[in-house]
């Protein structure tokens, strides 16, 4: 009898965990006076109590209770971008999955997961969109603070998306950069990533043309620019860079802020490329400039460095 009772208790606990993190299968919202637009996005949400707009990432933040990070990608495709968003994928990464759902969010297909990949916090992830955009909302709260988890879950249920909302791409920029002494101009903004190309040309018109990407990240005030740059080399690998070899690196200051620059040579699709990375840190903010040159690295590196030297962190 005792084994049967224990099994019943385990089943009840599992059902309780799923219901605790469950969203409705169909969610429909209307914009209200309580909704707040997340700057830099088309997404509106009713924030949990005492949450404020984050200063060094796109989303909402509460110092003790958690954070809600929003990645809005107009022009993206939900079906391809969220293809790997699955229960199996989270489990493969070593996470414990408490719940996984496929649902409808304001008429858009959506996926939701509640998972724990680290002992310190629990993640609630929601992705939705169609063939014209892809948006993900990743919320984190401390393990054991179930009240904070319920607040975030209730907030996720209020999401309303306005695809017609006009967006200023620099609304949330924590940096400025002078492009006037280079041929590079702003091309596209995508999920807090700023992309610059020669004369702002579409990258599809010149796939081998040089390009620059500027991203901003929260920094815990302990990570050094060189450490952040090392992580970015991993990102270069994700872009397809193979056999990377560091050719030069400089620890210095840019506009009175701690900085680190590195030049890397490698191969991209079996063609030689030169990659450049510059990290500038100011307080709890890190600005990362990454650039790729495939045809004229000597000329392009000079431009990359001019751009980096003009970086100002707000």
Protein backbone atom coordinates (compact mmCIF):
# COMPACT_ATOMS: atom_id res chain seq x y z
CA UNK A 1 0.00 0.00 0.00
CA UNK A 2 2.83 2.39 0.85
CA UNK A 3 4.43 2.16 -2.64
CA UNK A 4 1.02 2.89 -4.20
CA UNK A 5 0.54 5.89 -1.89
CA UNK A 6 4.03 7.19 -2.73
CA UNK A 7 3.28 6.86 -6.45
CA UNK A 8 0.04 8.81 -6.00
CA UNK A 9 1.91 11.57 -4.18
CA UNK A 10 4.49 11.79 -6.97
CA UNK A 11 1.76 11.99 -9.61
CA UNK A 12 -0.04 14.73 -7.66
CA UNK A 13 3.21 16.67 -7.30
CA UNK A 14 3.88 16.39 -11.04
CA UNK A 15 0.35 17.54 -11.92
CA UNK A 16 0.68 20.39 -9.43
CA UNK A 17 3.95 21.51 -11.03
CA UNK A 18 2.39 21.52 -14.52
CA UNK A 19 -0.67 23.48 -13.42
CA UNK A 20 1.49 25.96 -11.54
CA UNK A 21 3.25 26.92 -14.78
CA UNK A 22 0.32 26.48 -17.16
CA UNK A 23 -0.97 29.07 -19.64
CA UNK A 24 -4.39 28.92 -21.29
CA UNK A 25 -4.38 27.13 -24.64
CA UNK A 26 -5.93 30.22 -26.26
CA UNK A 27 -5.09 33.71 -25.02
CA UNK A 28 -6.77 36.81 -26.41
CA UNK A 29 -6.15 40.29 -25.06
CA UNK A 30 -7.15 43.86 -25.78
CA UNK A 31 -4.93 46.83 -25.06
CA UNK A 32 -5.86 48.64 -21.83
CA UNK A 33 -4.68 51.73 -19.98
CA UNK A 34 -2.61 49.44 -17.75
CA UNK A 35 -0.60 48.04 -20.66
CA UNK A 36 2.96 49.31 -21.10
CA UNK A 37 4.88 49.09 -24.35
CA UNK A 38 8.33 47.61 -23.98
CA UNK A 39 10.61 50.24 -25.60
CA UNK A 40 12.11 49.13 -28.88
CA UNK A 41 9.40 46.51 -29.48
CA UNK A 42 5.83 46.05 -30.70
CA UNK A 43 4.91 44.27 -27.48
CA UNK A 44 2.59 45.61 -24.78
CA UNK A 45 2.25 43.98 -21.37
CA UNK A 46 0.78 44.68 -17.93
CA UNK A 47 3.91 44.53 -15.72
CA UNK A 48 4.01 42.75 -12.38
CA UNK A 49 3.75 45.13 -9.42
CA UNK A 50 6.82 47.27 -8.81
CA UNK A 51 8.59 46.17 -12.01
CA UNK A 52 10.17 48.93 -14.04
CA UNK A 53 11.53 49.32 -17.56
CA UNK A 54 15.06 47.87 -17.60
CA UNK A 55 17.94 50.26 -18.25
CA UNK A 56 20.51 47.89 -19.72
CA UNK A 57 18.38 45.37 -21.59
CA UNK A 58 15.02 45.37 -23.37
CA UNK A 59 12.33 44.37 -20.95
CA UNK A 60 11.23 44.70 -17.32
CA UNK A 61 13.21 44.31 -14.12
CA UNK A 62 12.78 44.00 -10.37
CA UNK A 63 15.94 43.84 -8.27
CA UNK A 64 14.81 40.98 -6.03
CA UNK A 65 11.93 39.30 -7.84
CA UNK A 66 13.14 38.79 -11.40
CA UNK A 67 13.34 40.03 -14.96
CA UNK A 68 11.39 39.77 -18.22
CA UNK A 69 13.54 40.04 -21.34
CA UNK A 70 11.89 40.73 -24.72
CA UNK A 71 13.43 39.95 -28.13
CA UNK A 72 11.26 41.31 -30.92
CA UNK A 73 12.31 40.42 -34.44
CA UNK A 74 10.24 42.10 -37.19
CA UNK A 75 10.95 40.39 -40.49
CA UNK A 76 11.78 37.15 -38.71
CA UNK A 77 9.93 33.90 -39.24
CA UNK A 78 8.44 32.26 -36.18
CA UNK A 79 8.24 28.85 -37.83
CA UNK A 80 11.97 28.71 -38.57
CA UNK A 81 13.23 30.70 -35.57
CA UNK A 82 11.21 28.67 -33.06
CA UNK A 83 11.73 25.30 -34.73
CA UNK A 84 14.29 24.30 -32.09
CA UNK A 85 12.18 25.63 -29.19
CA UNK A 86 10.99 22.30 -27.81
CA UNK A 87 10.84 20.25 -24.65
CA UNK A 88 13.44 17.87 -26.05
CA UNK A 89 15.85 20.73 -26.82
CA UNK A 90 15.70 22.04 -23.25
CA UNK A 91 16.21 18.56 -21.84
CA UNK A 92 19.20 18.03 -24.13
CA UNK A 93 20.75 21.17 -22.64
CA UNK A 94 20.40 19.64 -19.17
CA UNK A 95 17.35 21.59 -18.03
CA UNK A 96 14.49 20.22 -15.97
CA UNK A 97 11.26 20.95 -17.84
CA UNK A 98 8.23 21.55 -15.61
CA UNK A 99 5.83 22.29 -18.44
CA UNK A 100 5.81 22.68 -22.22
CA UNK A 101 2.82 23.90 -24.26
CA UNK A 102 1.89 24.90 -27.77
CA UNK A 103 -0.86 27.52 -27.75
CA UNK A 104 -2.39 30.58 -29.42
CA UNK A 105 -1.34 34.08 -28.33
CA UNK A 106 -3.65 36.76 -29.73
CA UNK A 107 -4.22 34.64 -32.84
CA UNK A 108 -0.54 33.83 -33.32
CA UNK A 109 0.97 30.36 -32.86
CA UNK A 110 3.04 30.24 -29.69
CA UNK A 111 5.18 27.94 -27.57
CA UNK A 112 5.70 28.12 -23.80
CA UNK A 113 8.15 26.40 -21.50
CA UNK A 114 8.83 26.45 -17.76
CA UNK A 115 12.27 25.05 -17.08
CA UNK A 116 15.18 25.10 -14.66
CA UNK A 117 18.70 24.95 -16.02
CA UNK A 118 20.52 26.29 -12.96
CA UNK A 119 19.79 25.81 -9.25
CA UNK A 120 19.47 29.56 -8.65
CA UNK A 121 16.59 30.42 -10.94
CA UNK A 122 13.62 29.24 -13.00
CA UNK A 123 12.97 30.36 -16.57
CA UNK A 124 9.59 30.95 -18.18
CA UNK A 125 9.93 31.23 -21.96
CA UNK A 126 7.28 32.27 -24.48
CA UNK A 127 7.78 32.57 -28.25
CA UNK A 128 5.14 33.56 -30.80
CA UNK A 129 4.76 35.07 -34.25
CA UNK A 130 4.08 34.18 -37.87
CA UNK A 131 5.97 34.44 -41.17
CA UNK A 132 6.44 38.22 -40.73
CA UNK A 133 7.84 38.43 -37.20
CA UNK A 134 9.17 36.35 -34.34
CA UNK A 135 9.07 37.47 -30.71
CA UNK A 136 10.41 35.74 -27.63
CA UNK A 137 9.85 36.65 -24.00
CA UNK A 138 12.26 35.08 -21.51
CA UNK A 139 11.48 35.62 -17.83
CA UNK A 140 13.65 34.58 -14.89
CA UNK A 141 12.92 34.52 -11.17
CA UNK A 142 14.74 33.12 -8.11
CA UNK A 143 14.19 29.48 -7.24
CA UNK A 144 11.81 29.12 -4.32
CA UNK A 145 10.10 32.48 -4.83
CA UNK A 146 6.85 31.06 -6.15
CA UNK A 147 5.00 34.34 -5.57
CA UNK A 148 7.38 36.01 -8.04
CA UNK A 149 6.77 33.19 -10.51
CA UNK A 150 3.00 33.59 -10.30
CA UNK A 151 3.33 37.35 -10.84
CA UNK A 152 5.38 36.84 -13.99
CA UNK A 153 3.06 34.15 -15.33
CA UNK A 154 0.05 36.42 -14.78
CA UNK A 155 1.91 39.19 -16.64
CA UNK A 156 2.70 36.93 -19.60
CA UNK A 157 -1.02 36.25 -19.95
CA UNK A 158 -1.63 39.97 -20.65
CA UNK A 159 0.66 40.29 -23.70
CA UNK A 160 -0.75 42.26 -26.62
CA UNK A 161 1.19 42.70 -29.86
CA UNK A 162 0.78 45.59 -32.31
CA UNK A 163 2.52 44.85 -35.65
CA UNK A 164 1.67 48.38 -36.86
CA UNK A 165 3.53 50.09 -34.00
CA UNK A 166 6.22 52.45 -35.33
CA UNK A 167 9.60 51.74 -33.77
CA UNK A 168 12.60 54.04 -33.37
CA UNK A 169 15.51 51.57 -33.55
CA UNK A 170 17.67 53.79 -31.34
CA UNK A 171 14.99 54.23 -28.69
CA UNK A 172 16.79 51.76 -26.41
CA UNK A 173 20.36 52.32 -27.60
CA UNK A 174 22.81 52.74 -24.73
CA UNK A 175 25.57 53.88 -27.08
CA UNK A 176 26.38 56.37 -29.82
CA UNK A 177 28.79 55.79 -32.69
CA UNK A 178 30.14 58.17 -35.34
CA UNK A 179 29.97 56.65 -38.82
CA UNK A 180 30.76 59.85 -40.75
CA UNK A 181 34.43 58.98 -41.31
CA UNK A 182 33.64 55.54 -42.72
CA UNK A 183 31.45 54.18 -45.54
CA UNK A 184 29.32 52.28 -43.02
CA UNK A 185 25.74 53.34 -42.40
CA UNK A 186 22.93 51.91 -40.30
CA UNK A 187 21.15 49.08 -42.13
CA UNK A 188 18.89 47.19 -39.75
CA UNK A 189 17.85 46.77 -36.14
CA UNK A 190 16.93 43.29 -34.97
CA UNK A 191 16.26 42.25 -31.36
CA UNK A 192 18.68 44.80 -29.82
CA UNK A 193 21.32 44.13 -32.49
CA UNK A 194 22.36 47.07 -34.70
CA UNK A 195 23.71 46.16 -38.13
CA UNK A 196 25.80 48.49 -40.30
CA UNK A 197 26.79 47.90 -43.93
CA UNK A 198 28.51 49.91 -46.66
CA UNK A 199 26.09 52.74 -47.51
CA UNK A 200 23.39 50.89 -45.57
CA UNK A 201 23.13 48.36 -48.40
CA UNK A 202 21.03 45.23 -47.96
CA UNK A 203 23.42 42.37 -47.20
CA UNK A 204 21.65 40.25 -49.81
CA UNK A 205 22.93 42.61 -52.53
CA UNK A 206 26.55 42.00 -51.56
CA UNK A 207 26.86 38.83 -49.46
CA UNK A 208 30.64 39.16 -49.32
CA UNK A 209 30.60 42.82 -48.31
CA UNK A 210 31.93 43.88 -44.89
CA UNK A 211 29.44 44.42 -42.10
CA UNK A 212 29.44 45.60 -38.50
CA UNK A 213 27.18 44.52 -35.65
CA UNK A 214 26.78 46.41 -32.38
CA UNK A 215 25.06 44.75 -29.42
CA UNK A 216 24.51 45.83 -25.84
CA UNK A 217 24.41 43.56 -22.82
CA UNK A 218 23.91 43.93 -19.08
CA UNK A 219 27.16 43.49 -17.18
CA UNK A 220 27.43 42.38 -13.57
CA UNK A 221 30.32 44.81 -12.96
CA UNK A 222 32.77 41.91 -12.59
CA UNK A 223 33.26 40.67 -16.16
CA UNK A 224 36.25 42.26 -17.86
CA UNK A 225 36.11 43.32 -21.52
CA UNK A 226 38.60 40.58 -22.45
CA UNK A 227 36.39 37.93 -20.85
CA UNK A 228 33.34 39.18 -22.74
CA UNK A 229 35.35 39.22 -25.99
CA UNK A 230 36.28 35.57 -25.43
CA UNK A 231 32.58 34.73 -25.34
CA UNK A 232 32.09 36.65 -28.57
CA UNK A 233 34.69 34.49 -30.31
CA UNK A 234 32.31 31.64 -29.58
CA UNK A 235 29.61 33.65 -31.37
CA UNK A 236 31.90 34.01 -34.37
CA UNK A 237 32.10 30.23 -34.41
CA UNK A 238 28.31 30.05 -34.39
CA UNK A 239 28.32 32.26 -37.48
CA UNK A 240 30.45 29.57 -39.14
CA UNK A 241 33.96 30.86 -38.48
CA UNK A 242 36.49 28.01 -38.38
CA UNK A 243 40.17 27.85 -37.43
CA UNK A 244 40.13 31.25 -35.67
CA UNK A 245 43.59 32.64 -34.90
CA UNK A 246 44.11 35.77 -32.82
CA UNK A 247 46.43 38.14 -34.69
CA UNK A 248 46.31 41.16 -32.38
CA UNK A 249 44.76 42.16 -29.09
CA UNK A 250 44.78 45.44 -27.17
CA UNK A 251 43.71 46.25 -23.62
CA UNK A 252 43.06 49.98 -23.47
CA UNK A 253 40.44 52.63 -22.85
CA UNK A 254 38.00 54.12 -25.32
CA UNK A 255 36.50 57.49 -24.39
CA UNK A 256 37.52 56.93 -20.75
CA UNK A 257 35.90 53.50 -20.54
CA UNK A 258 37.66 50.16 -20.14
CA UNK A 259 37.97 48.41 -23.50
CA UNK A 260 39.46 45.43 -25.28
CA UNK A 261 40.06 44.92 -29.00
CA UNK A 262 41.04 41.82 -30.92
CA UNK A 263 41.68 40.86 -34.54
CA UNK A 264 41.06 37.30 -35.69
CA UNK A 265 41.78 35.48 -38.92
CA UNK A 266 39.96 32.34 -39.93
CA UNK A 267 37.75 30.81 -42.55
CA UNK A 268 34.08 31.22 -43.34
CA UNK A 269 32.62 28.69 -45.78
CA UNK A 270 36.20 27.75 -46.73
CA UNK A 271 37.07 31.36 -47.59
CA UNK A 272 39.60 33.45 -45.61
CA UNK A 273 38.04 36.17 -43.47
CA UNK A 274 39.18 38.72 -40.92
CA UNK A 275 37.04 39.28 -37.85
CA UNK A 276 37.28 42.17 -35.42
CA UNK A 277 35.79 42.52 -31.94
CA UNK A 278 35.75 45.47 -29.57
CA UNK A 279 34.18 45.43 -26.11
CA UNK A 280 33.61 48.62 -24.12
CA UNK A 281 32.40 48.40 -20.52
CA UNK A 282 30.87 51.15 -18.40
CA UNK A 283 29.34 50.22 -15.07
CA UNK A 284 26.59 47.67 -15.62
CA UNK A 285 26.65 48.01 -19.40
CA UNK A 286 28.76 46.32 -22.05
CA UNK A 287 28.80 47.40 -25.69
CA UNK A 288 30.14 44.84 -28.15
CA UNK A 289 31.16 45.71 -31.72
CA UNK A 290 31.78 42.76 -34.04
CA UNK A 291 32.78 43.03 -37.69
CA UNK A 292 33.62 40.75 -40.61
CA UNK A 293 35.73 41.50 -43.69
CA UNK A 294 35.99 39.01 -46.53
CA UNK A 295 37.66 40.92 -49.37
CA UNK A 296 39.78 43.88 -48.22
CA UNK A 297 40.71 43.30 -44.55
CA UNK A 298 43.50 45.91 -44.37
CA UNK A 299 41.16 48.70 -45.48
CA UNK A 300 38.17 47.42 -43.55
CA UNK A 301 40.07 47.00 -40.29
CA UNK A 302 40.93 50.70 -40.37
CA UNK A 303 37.23 51.52 -40.66
CA UNK A 304 36.28 49.03 -37.94
CA UNK A 305 38.76 50.66 -35.56
CA UNK A 306 37.50 54.16 -36.39
CA UNK A 307 34.00 53.08 -35.51
CA UNK A 308 35.19 51.45 -32.29
CA UNK A 309 37.17 54.54 -31.27
CA UNK A 310 34.00 56.64 -31.54
CA UNK A 311 31.91 54.44 -29.25
CA UNK A 312 30.34 56.38 -26.41
CA UNK A 313 28.42 54.55 -23.70
CA UNK A 314 25.48 56.50 -22.32
